[in-house]
N, C-alpha and C. Protein backbone atom coordinates (compact mmCIF):
# COMPACT_ATOMS: atom_id res chain seq x y z
N MET A 1 101.34 101.71 77.21
CA MET A 1 101.31 101.73 78.66
C MET A 1 102.36 102.71 79.20
N ARG A 2 103.54 102.67 78.56
CA ARG A 2 104.60 103.59 79.00
C ARG A 2 104.18 105.04 78.82
N THR A 3 103.46 105.34 77.72
CA THR A 3 102.98 106.70 77.49
C THR A 3 102.02 107.12 78.59
N LEU A 4 101.10 106.24 78.94
CA LEU A 4 100.14 106.56 79.99
C LEU A 4 100.81 106.66 81.36
N ALA A 5 101.90 105.94 81.55
CA ALA A 5 102.58 105.91 82.85
C ALA A 5 103.48 107.12 83.08
N LYS A 6 103.82 107.85 82.02
CA LYS A 6 104.72 109.01 82.18
C LYS A 6 104.15 110.01 83.17
N GLY A 7 104.99 110.40 84.11
CA GLY A 7 104.61 111.40 85.10
C GLY A 7 103.73 110.87 86.22
N ARG A 8 103.47 109.57 86.24
CA ARG A 8 102.62 108.97 87.28
C ARG A 8 103.50 108.20 88.26
N ASP A 9 103.04 108.13 89.48
CA ASP A 9 103.69 107.27 90.45
C ASP A 9 103.37 105.82 90.09
N LEU A 10 104.37 104.97 90.14
CA LEU A 10 104.20 103.55 89.85
C LEU A 10 104.32 102.76 91.13
N LEU A 11 103.61 101.64 91.20
CA LEU A 11 103.75 100.73 92.32
C LEU A 11 104.82 99.71 91.97
N SER A 12 105.68 99.42 92.93
CA SER A 12 106.75 98.43 92.72
C SER A 12 106.43 97.18 93.52
N PHE A 13 106.61 96.03 92.89
CA PHE A 13 106.40 94.74 93.54
C PHE A 13 107.62 93.88 93.27
N ALA A 14 108.07 93.18 94.29
CA ALA A 14 109.18 92.23 94.15
C ALA A 14 108.62 90.90 93.67
N SER A 15 109.46 90.11 93.04
CA SER A 15 109.06 88.79 92.60
C SER A 15 108.44 88.02 93.76
N GLY A 16 107.26 87.46 93.54
CA GLY A 16 106.57 86.69 94.57
C GLY A 16 105.55 87.49 95.37
N ASP A 17 105.58 88.82 95.27
CA ASP A 17 104.60 89.65 95.99
C ASP A 17 103.21 89.43 95.40
N VAL A 18 102.22 89.37 96.29
CA VAL A 18 100.82 89.27 95.87
C VAL A 18 100.29 90.69 95.70
N ILE A 19 99.71 90.96 94.54
CA ILE A 19 99.17 92.28 94.21
C ILE A 19 97.73 92.38 94.69
N PHE A 20 96.94 91.36 94.42
CA PHE A 20 95.61 91.22 95.00
C PHE A 20 95.25 89.75 95.05
N LYS A 21 94.26 89.43 95.91
CA LYS A 21 93.82 88.05 96.08
C LYS A 21 92.40 87.88 95.58
N ASP A 22 92.08 86.65 95.20
CA ASP A 22 90.74 86.28 94.81
C ASP A 22 89.77 86.71 95.91
N GLY A 23 88.71 87.44 95.53
CA GLY A 23 87.72 87.89 96.49
C GLY A 23 87.95 89.29 97.02
N ASP A 24 89.17 89.84 96.84
CA ASP A 24 89.42 91.23 97.26
C ASP A 24 88.51 92.17 96.49
N ARG A 25 88.16 93.27 97.12
CA ARG A 25 87.40 94.31 96.42
C ARG A 25 88.36 94.99 95.43
N GLY A 26 87.88 95.24 94.21
CA GLY A 26 88.71 95.88 93.19
C GLY A 26 88.11 97.19 92.73
N ASP A 27 88.95 98.22 92.63
CA ASP A 27 88.47 99.52 92.16
C ASP A 27 89.42 100.15 91.14
N CYS A 28 90.33 99.34 90.58
CA CYS A 28 91.29 99.87 89.62
C CYS A 28 91.79 98.74 88.71
N LEU A 29 92.36 99.16 87.58
CA LEU A 29 93.07 98.21 86.74
C LEU A 29 94.55 98.50 86.89
N TYR A 30 95.35 97.54 86.51
CA TYR A 30 96.81 97.66 86.59
C TYR A 30 97.38 97.54 85.18
N GLY A 31 98.38 98.36 84.90
CA GLY A 31 99.12 98.28 83.66
C GLY A 31 100.56 97.91 83.99
N VAL A 32 101.07 96.91 83.29
CA VAL A 32 102.45 96.47 83.53
C VAL A 32 103.38 97.37 82.72
N VAL A 33 104.22 98.10 83.43
CA VAL A 33 105.22 98.95 82.80
C VAL A 33 106.53 98.18 82.68
N GLN A 34 106.84 97.40 83.71
CA GLN A 34 108.06 96.60 83.72
C GLN A 34 107.80 95.34 84.53
N GLY A 35 108.35 94.21 84.08
CA GLY A 35 108.22 92.96 84.82
C GLY A 35 107.15 92.05 84.24
N GLU A 36 106.70 91.11 85.05
CA GLU A 36 105.69 90.14 84.63
C GLU A 36 104.83 89.75 85.83
N VAL A 37 103.52 89.63 85.57
CA VAL A 37 102.54 89.31 86.60
C VAL A 37 101.72 88.12 86.15
N LYS A 38 101.42 87.24 87.07
CA LYS A 38 100.57 86.07 86.79
C LYS A 38 99.26 86.24 87.55
N VAL A 39 98.15 86.04 86.87
CA VAL A 39 96.83 86.02 87.51
C VAL A 39 96.32 84.59 87.39
N SER A 40 96.06 83.97 88.53
CA SER A 40 95.58 82.58 88.54
C SER A 40 94.24 82.51 89.26
N TRP A 41 93.46 81.49 88.91
CA TRP A 41 92.17 81.31 89.55
C TRP A 41 91.88 79.83 89.68
N GLY A 42 90.77 79.55 90.38
CA GLY A 42 90.42 78.16 90.65
C GLY A 42 91.48 77.54 91.55
N ASP A 43 91.91 76.35 91.19
CA ASP A 43 92.94 75.67 91.99
C ASP A 43 94.35 76.09 91.60
N GLY A 44 94.45 77.13 90.76
CA GLY A 44 95.76 77.62 90.32
C GLY A 44 96.21 77.04 88.99
N SER A 45 95.46 76.06 88.48
CA SER A 45 95.86 75.46 87.20
C SER A 45 95.44 76.32 86.02
N GLN A 46 94.58 77.28 86.24
CA GLN A 46 94.19 78.22 85.20
C GLN A 46 94.86 79.54 85.49
N TRP A 47 95.49 80.13 84.47
CA TRP A 47 96.25 81.36 84.70
C TRP A 47 96.53 82.08 83.40
N GLU A 48 96.91 83.32 83.55
CA GLU A 48 97.42 84.15 82.46
C GLU A 48 98.61 84.90 83.01
N SER A 49 99.56 85.22 82.16
CA SER A 49 100.66 86.08 82.58
C SER A 49 100.63 87.35 81.73
N PHE A 50 101.07 88.43 82.34
CA PHE A 50 101.01 89.75 81.72
C PHE A 50 102.38 90.40 81.80
N GLY A 51 102.89 90.81 80.64
CA GLY A 51 104.18 91.48 80.57
C GLY A 51 104.00 92.95 80.26
N PRO A 52 105.11 93.64 80.02
CA PRO A 52 105.07 95.08 79.73
C PRO A 52 104.09 95.41 78.60
N GLY A 53 103.30 96.44 78.82
CA GLY A 53 102.30 96.86 77.85
C GLY A 53 100.94 96.25 78.07
N SER A 54 100.84 95.25 78.95
CA SER A 54 99.58 94.58 79.22
C SER A 54 98.87 95.22 80.40
N SER A 55 97.57 94.97 80.47
CA SER A 55 96.80 95.42 81.62
C SER A 55 95.95 94.28 82.14
N PHE A 56 95.61 94.34 83.41
CA PHE A 56 94.76 93.32 84.01
C PHE A 56 93.93 93.98 85.12
N GLY A 57 92.81 93.34 85.46
CA GLY A 57 91.94 93.87 86.50
C GLY A 57 90.89 94.84 85.98
N VAL A 58 90.63 94.81 84.67
CA VAL A 58 89.71 95.77 84.05
C VAL A 58 88.28 95.62 84.56
N GLY A 59 87.91 94.45 85.04
CA GLY A 59 86.56 94.25 85.56
C GLY A 59 86.21 95.22 86.67
N ALA A 60 87.20 95.69 87.39
CA ALA A 60 86.96 96.63 88.49
C ALA A 60 86.44 97.97 87.98
N LEU A 61 86.66 98.27 86.72
CA LEU A 61 86.18 99.55 86.17
C LEU A 61 84.73 99.47 85.74
N ILE A 62 84.19 98.29 85.63
CA ILE A 62 82.84 98.10 85.13
C ILE A 62 81.83 98.00 86.26
N ASP A 63 82.19 97.32 87.32
CA ASP A 63 81.27 97.05 88.43
C ASP A 63 81.76 97.76 89.68
N ALA A 64 80.93 98.66 90.24
CA ALA A 64 81.32 99.42 91.43
C ALA A 64 81.57 98.52 92.64
N ASP A 65 80.92 97.36 92.70
CA ASP A 65 81.09 96.43 93.82
C ASP A 65 81.92 95.22 93.41
N HIS A 66 82.88 95.45 92.53
CA HIS A 66 83.67 94.37 91.95
C HIS A 66 84.51 93.63 92.99
N GLN A 67 84.50 92.31 92.88
CA GLN A 67 85.40 91.47 93.67
C GLN A 67 86.34 90.78 92.68
N ARG A 68 87.62 90.76 93.03
CA ARG A 68 88.62 90.15 92.15
C ARG A 68 88.30 88.68 91.95
N PHE A 69 88.49 88.23 90.73
CA PHE A 69 88.17 86.86 90.33
C PHE A 69 89.36 85.92 90.50
N GLY A 70 90.55 86.47 90.60
CA GLY A 70 91.75 85.65 90.72
C GLY A 70 92.77 86.30 91.63
N THR A 71 93.91 85.67 91.75
CA THR A 71 95.01 86.19 92.55
C THR A 71 96.13 86.61 91.61
N ALA A 72 96.59 87.85 91.78
CA ALA A 72 97.67 88.39 90.94
C ALA A 72 98.96 88.38 91.74
N THR A 73 100.01 87.81 91.16
CA THR A 73 101.31 87.69 91.81
C THR A 73 102.40 88.14 90.86
N ALA A 74 103.34 88.92 91.35
CA ALA A 74 104.48 89.35 90.53
C ALA A 74 105.38 88.14 90.27
N LEU A 75 105.65 87.85 89.01
CA LEU A 75 106.57 86.75 88.65
C LEU A 75 108.01 87.22 88.63
N SER A 76 108.19 88.53 88.52
CA SER A 76 109.52 89.14 88.56
C SER A 76 109.35 90.51 89.20
N ASP A 77 110.44 91.16 89.53
CA ASP A 77 110.34 92.53 90.04
C ASP A 77 109.57 93.33 89.00
N SER A 78 108.53 94.03 89.44
CA SER A 78 107.62 94.68 88.50
C SER A 78 107.27 96.09 88.93
N GLN A 79 107.00 96.92 87.94
CA GLN A 79 106.46 98.26 88.16
C GLN A 79 105.12 98.32 87.46
N LEU A 80 104.09 98.72 88.22
CA LEU A 80 102.73 98.75 87.70
C LEU A 80 102.14 100.14 87.81
N MET A 81 101.40 100.50 86.79
CA MET A 81 100.62 101.73 86.81
C MET A 81 99.23 101.34 87.30
N VAL A 82 98.65 102.17 88.14
CA VAL A 82 97.30 101.94 88.64
C VAL A 82 96.38 102.99 88.03
N MET A 83 95.21 102.55 87.57
CA MET A 83 94.27 103.47 86.93
C MET A 83 92.86 103.19 87.44
N ASN A 84 92.22 104.21 88.04
CA ASN A 84 90.84 104.05 88.48
C ASN A 84 89.90 104.36 87.32
N ARG A 85 88.60 104.24 87.55
CA ARG A 85 87.61 104.42 86.48
C ARG A 85 87.70 105.82 85.86
N GLU A 86 87.80 106.83 86.67
CA GLU A 86 87.87 108.20 86.16
C GLU A 86 89.10 108.40 85.28
N GLU A 87 90.24 107.90 85.73
CA GLU A 87 91.48 108.02 84.96
C GLU A 87 91.39 107.23 83.66
N PHE A 88 90.76 106.06 83.72
CA PHE A 88 90.59 105.24 82.52
C PHE A 88 89.74 105.97 81.48
N LEU A 89 88.61 106.54 81.92
CA LEU A 89 87.73 107.24 80.99
C LEU A 89 88.44 108.44 80.36
N LEU A 90 89.24 109.15 81.14
CA LEU A 90 90.01 110.27 80.62
C LEU A 90 91.03 109.78 79.58
N ALA A 91 91.71 108.67 79.88
CA ALA A 91 92.70 108.11 78.95
C ALA A 91 92.05 107.71 77.63
N VAL A 92 90.87 107.10 77.70
CA VAL A 92 90.17 106.70 76.48
C VAL A 92 89.73 107.93 75.68
N GLN A 93 89.33 108.97 76.39
CA GLN A 93 88.93 110.20 75.71
C GLN A 93 90.11 110.85 75.00
N GLU A 94 91.26 110.87 75.68
CA GLU A 94 92.44 111.51 75.11
C GLU A 94 93.17 110.63 74.09
N LEU A 95 93.11 109.32 74.29
CA LEU A 95 93.79 108.37 73.40
C LEU A 95 92.81 107.27 73.00
N PRO A 96 91.90 107.56 72.05
CA PRO A 96 90.89 106.57 71.68
C PRO A 96 91.47 105.20 71.30
N MET A 97 92.65 105.18 70.71
CA MET A 97 93.27 103.90 70.33
C MET A 97 93.55 103.03 71.56
N PHE A 98 93.77 103.66 72.71
CA PHE A 98 93.98 102.90 73.95
C PHE A 98 92.75 102.04 74.23
N GLY A 99 91.56 102.64 74.12
CA GLY A 99 90.32 101.89 74.35
C GLY A 99 90.14 100.76 73.35
N LEU A 100 90.42 101.04 72.07
CA LEU A 100 90.29 100.01 71.05
C LEU A 100 91.28 98.87 71.25
N GLU A 101 92.51 99.22 71.61
CA GLU A 101 93.53 98.19 71.87
C GLU A 101 93.15 97.33 73.08
N MET A 102 92.56 97.95 74.09
CA MET A 102 92.14 97.20 75.27
C MET A 102 91.03 96.21 74.90
N ILE A 103 90.08 96.66 74.09
CA ILE A 103 89.00 95.75 73.66
C ILE A 103 89.58 94.61 72.84
N HIS A 104 90.52 94.91 71.95
CA HIS A 104 91.17 93.87 71.15
C HIS A 104 91.89 92.88 72.07
N ASP A 105 92.62 93.38 73.04
CA ASP A 105 93.35 92.52 73.98
C ASP A 105 92.38 91.62 74.74
N LEU A 106 91.27 92.16 75.21
CA LEU A 106 90.28 91.35 75.93
C LEU A 106 89.70 90.27 75.03
N ASP A 107 89.43 90.61 73.78
CA ASP A 107 88.92 89.63 72.83
C ASP A 107 89.91 88.47 72.65
N GLN A 108 91.18 88.79 72.48
CA GLN A 108 92.20 87.75 72.31
C GLN A 108 92.32 86.88 73.57
N ARG A 109 92.28 87.52 74.72
CA ARG A 109 92.36 86.77 75.98
C ARG A 109 91.18 85.82 76.12
N LEU A 110 89.97 86.27 75.80
CA LEU A 110 88.79 85.42 75.89
C LEU A 110 88.88 84.24 74.94
N ARG A 111 89.41 84.47 73.74
CA ARG A 111 89.57 83.37 72.78
C ARG A 111 90.52 82.30 73.33
N HIS A 112 91.63 82.74 73.93
CA HIS A 112 92.58 81.78 74.50
C HIS A 112 91.97 81.05 75.70
N LEU A 113 91.23 81.77 76.53
CA LEU A 113 90.60 81.14 77.68
C LEU A 113 89.55 80.12 77.24
N LYS A 114 88.78 80.49 76.23
CA LYS A 114 87.76 79.58 75.71
C LYS A 114 88.41 78.30 75.18
N ALA A 115 89.58 78.44 74.60
CA ALA A 115 90.31 77.27 74.09
C ALA A 115 90.92 76.45 75.21
N GLY A 116 90.90 77.01 76.43
CA GLY A 116 91.40 76.26 77.58
C GLY A 116 92.90 76.30 77.75
N SER A 117 93.56 77.25 77.12
CA SER A 117 95.02 77.30 77.23
C SER A 117 95.46 78.57 77.94
N PRO A 118 96.36 78.43 78.93
CA PRO A 118 96.92 79.63 79.55
C PRO A 118 97.74 80.37 78.51
N GLN A 119 97.93 81.64 78.75
CA GLN A 119 98.64 82.43 77.75
C GLN A 119 99.34 83.61 78.37
N GLN A 120 100.23 84.16 77.60
CA GLN A 120 100.84 85.44 77.93
C GLN A 120 100.01 86.48 77.22
N ALA A 121 99.54 87.47 77.97
CA ALA A 121 98.69 88.49 77.39
C ALA A 121 99.50 89.44 76.52
N GLY A 122 98.85 89.95 75.49
CA GLY A 122 99.49 90.93 74.61
C GLY A 122 99.49 92.30 75.24
N GLY A 123 100.14 93.23 74.59
CA GLY A 123 100.26 94.58 75.12
C GLY A 123 99.12 95.48 74.71
N VAL A 124 98.78 96.38 75.59
CA VAL A 124 97.79 97.42 75.30
C VAL A 124 98.49 98.74 75.33
């Protein structure tokens, strides 16, 4: 994530800031460069946290009319990289391992969610 973030403007969020809300239109994914972010859904009892090297919001790259499924909140002061679909496709083309690592990360996240346990997401 740090490699992809080099030379890019990063968004800064203070602890407690809401990054996006459930139902918001989504057109980008976020990569955590520094800090920690929690994405919660439902009544808030279901959640995942994302630390440096992790990404979240990837569904926005798949569906042009994507609506966010959860609410993302900074758990600590955080710096996030933002990547739209075009930038994502370019990154995968230039760094194929990035795409493979993202698929691996999604697989691990789905396994934890299926087991019904919140988790800290791994790095991509």
